[in-house]
């Protein structure tokens, strides 16, 4: 999944400044949030800079449940690119995991991530 075409999977991306504006924080805080697995970032297009999927933010906040999910995925050995690909891929859920999180249906997403970690 590491080689997934993230530009095709993720429709909209924000650079760190745009994400910071959306969250009402500084770009340095966004970098800290990425480091602490509250957000994930990738370089979706070769030669471009790091970006955060726009769908990770909702109503000026990080989508509920995303930081916990990212921690689970990292504990399972996923890096940020792999985590983003998993979150945006339509697997066994009705829809993509990101859609379930945005609709406050994160329990099933977390169960599936935990099962992968075992």
Protein backbone atom coordinates (compact mmCIF):
# COMPACT_ATOMS: atom_id res chain seq x y z
CA UNK A 1 0.00 0.00 0.00
CA UNK A 2 3.04 2.25 0.42
CA UNK A 3 3.17 2.79 -3.33
CA UNK A 4 -0.50 3.75 -3.57
CA UNK A 5 -1.15 6.77 -5.76
CA UNK A 6 -2.11 9.18 -3.00
CA UNK A 7 -2.85 11.96 -5.47
CA UNK A 8 -5.58 9.72 -6.95
CA UNK A 9 -6.89 8.45 -3.58
CA UNK A 10 -7.07 11.79 -1.79
CA UNK A 11 -9.06 14.47 -3.64
CA UNK A 12 -7.88 17.58 -1.76
CA UNK A 13 -4.65 18.42 0.03
CA UNK A 14 -3.58 21.32 2.24
CA UNK A 15 -0.04 22.55 2.73
CA UNK A 16 0.99 23.17 6.32
CA UNK A 17 0.11 26.87 6.13
CA UNK A 18 -3.39 26.12 4.83
CA UNK A 19 -3.90 23.44 7.48
CA UNK A 20 -2.68 25.87 10.14
CA UNK A 21 -5.15 28.52 8.94
CA UNK A 22 -8.00 25.99 9.03
CA UNK A 23 -7.09 24.90 12.56
CA UNK A 24 -6.25 28.38 13.86
CA UNK A 25 -2.69 27.40 14.77
CA UNK A 26 0.82 28.02 13.41
CA UNK A 27 2.48 25.89 10.72
CA UNK A 28 4.97 24.83 13.43
CA UNK A 29 2.03 23.44 15.43
CA UNK A 30 0.87 21.48 12.38
CA UNK A 31 4.37 19.99 12.13
CA UNK A 32 4.13 19.01 15.83
CA UNK A 33 0.69 17.50 15.25
CA UNK A 34 2.13 15.39 12.41
CA UNK A 35 5.04 14.28 14.59
CA UNK A 36 2.64 13.36 17.42
CA UNK A 37 0.35 11.39 15.02
CA UNK A 38 -2.58 13.78 15.46
CA UNK A 39 -2.32 14.37 11.70
CA UNK A 40 -0.52 12.54 8.88
CA UNK A 41 1.29 14.09 5.95
CA UNK A 42 2.73 12.93 2.66
CA UNK A 43 4.15 14.28 -0.56
CA UNK A 44 1.34 13.36 -2.98
CA UNK A 45 3.12 14.62 -6.11
CA UNK A 46 6.82 14.08 -6.74
CA UNK A 47 8.74 17.31 -6.28
CA UNK A 48 5.98 18.88 -4.20
CA UNK A 49 6.04 19.70 -0.54
CA UNK A 50 4.41 17.82 2.31
CA UNK A 51 0.63 18.04 2.44
CA UNK A 52 -2.16 17.02 4.82
CA UNK A 53 -5.37 15.52 3.40
CA UNK A 54 -8.06 18.21 3.62
CA UNK A 55 -10.58 15.59 4.79
CA UNK A 56 -8.56 15.19 8.01
CA UNK A 57 -9.99 18.56 9.10
CA UNK A 58 -13.64 19.34 9.74
CA UNK A 59 -15.20 22.50 11.15
CA UNK A 60 -11.81 23.92 12.14
CA UNK A 61 -10.76 20.79 14.07
CA UNK A 62 -9.00 17.50 13.43
CA UNK A 63 -11.65 14.89 12.60
CA UNK A 64 -12.78 13.11 15.77
CA UNK A 65 -11.02 9.79 16.24
CA UNK A 66 -8.27 10.45 13.68
CA UNK A 67 -5.37 10.85 16.17
CA UNK A 68 -6.23 7.56 17.88
CA UNK A 69 -6.55 5.79 14.53
CA UNK A 70 -3.21 7.16 13.34
CA UNK A 71 -1.57 5.95 16.55
CA UNK A 72 -3.07 2.47 16.02
CA UNK A 73 -1.84 2.37 12.43
CA UNK A 74 1.65 3.54 13.41
CA UNK A 75 1.73 0.90 16.16
CA UNK A 76 0.88 -1.66 13.44
CA UNK A 77 3.97 -0.53 11.51
CA UNK A 78 2.32 1.83 9.02
CA UNK A 79 4.10 5.04 8.07
CA UNK A 80 2.18 8.22 7.21
CA UNK A 81 1.84 7.36 3.49
CA UNK A 82 0.53 3.88 4.27
CA UNK A 83 -1.81 5.25 6.92
CA UNK A 84 -3.26 7.82 4.52
CA UNK A 85 -3.70 5.17 1.82
CA UNK A 86 -5.51 2.85 4.27
CA UNK A 87 -7.76 5.64 5.55
CA UNK A 88 -8.76 6.63 1.99
CA UNK A 89 -9.21 3.11 0.56
CA UNK A 90 -12.66 1.55 0.44
CA UNK A 91 -12.04 -1.78 2.17
CA UNK A 92 -14.68 -3.79 4.02
CA UNK A 93 -16.48 -0.83 5.52
CA UNK A 94 -19.45 0.76 3.82
CA UNK A 95 -17.30 3.51 2.33
CA UNK A 96 -13.80 4.66 3.16
CA UNK A 97 -12.55 4.83 6.75
CA UNK A 98 -12.22 8.63 6.45
CA UNK A 99 -15.91 8.87 5.59
CA UNK A 100 -16.84 6.80 8.65
CA UNK A 101 -14.69 9.03 10.88
CA UNK A 102 -16.20 12.22 9.43
CA UNK A 103 -19.70 10.80 10.06
CA UNK A 104 -18.81 9.93 13.68
CA UNK A 105 -18.78 6.19 12.93
CA UNK A 106 -15.20 5.63 14.06
CA UNK A 107 -15.68 2.57 16.29
CA UNK A 108 -15.71 0.07 13.43
CA UNK A 109 -12.72 1.77 11.80
CA UNK A 110 -10.73 1.48 15.03
CA UNK A 111 -11.73 -2.18 15.46
CA UNK A 112 -10.42 -2.98 11.99
CA UNK A 113 -7.17 -1.09 12.63
CA UNK A 114 -6.71 -2.92 15.94
CA UNK A 115 -7.26 -6.26 14.21
CA UNK A 116 -4.48 -5.42 11.74
CA UNK A 117 -2.13 -4.57 14.61
CA UNK A 118 -2.47 -8.06 16.10
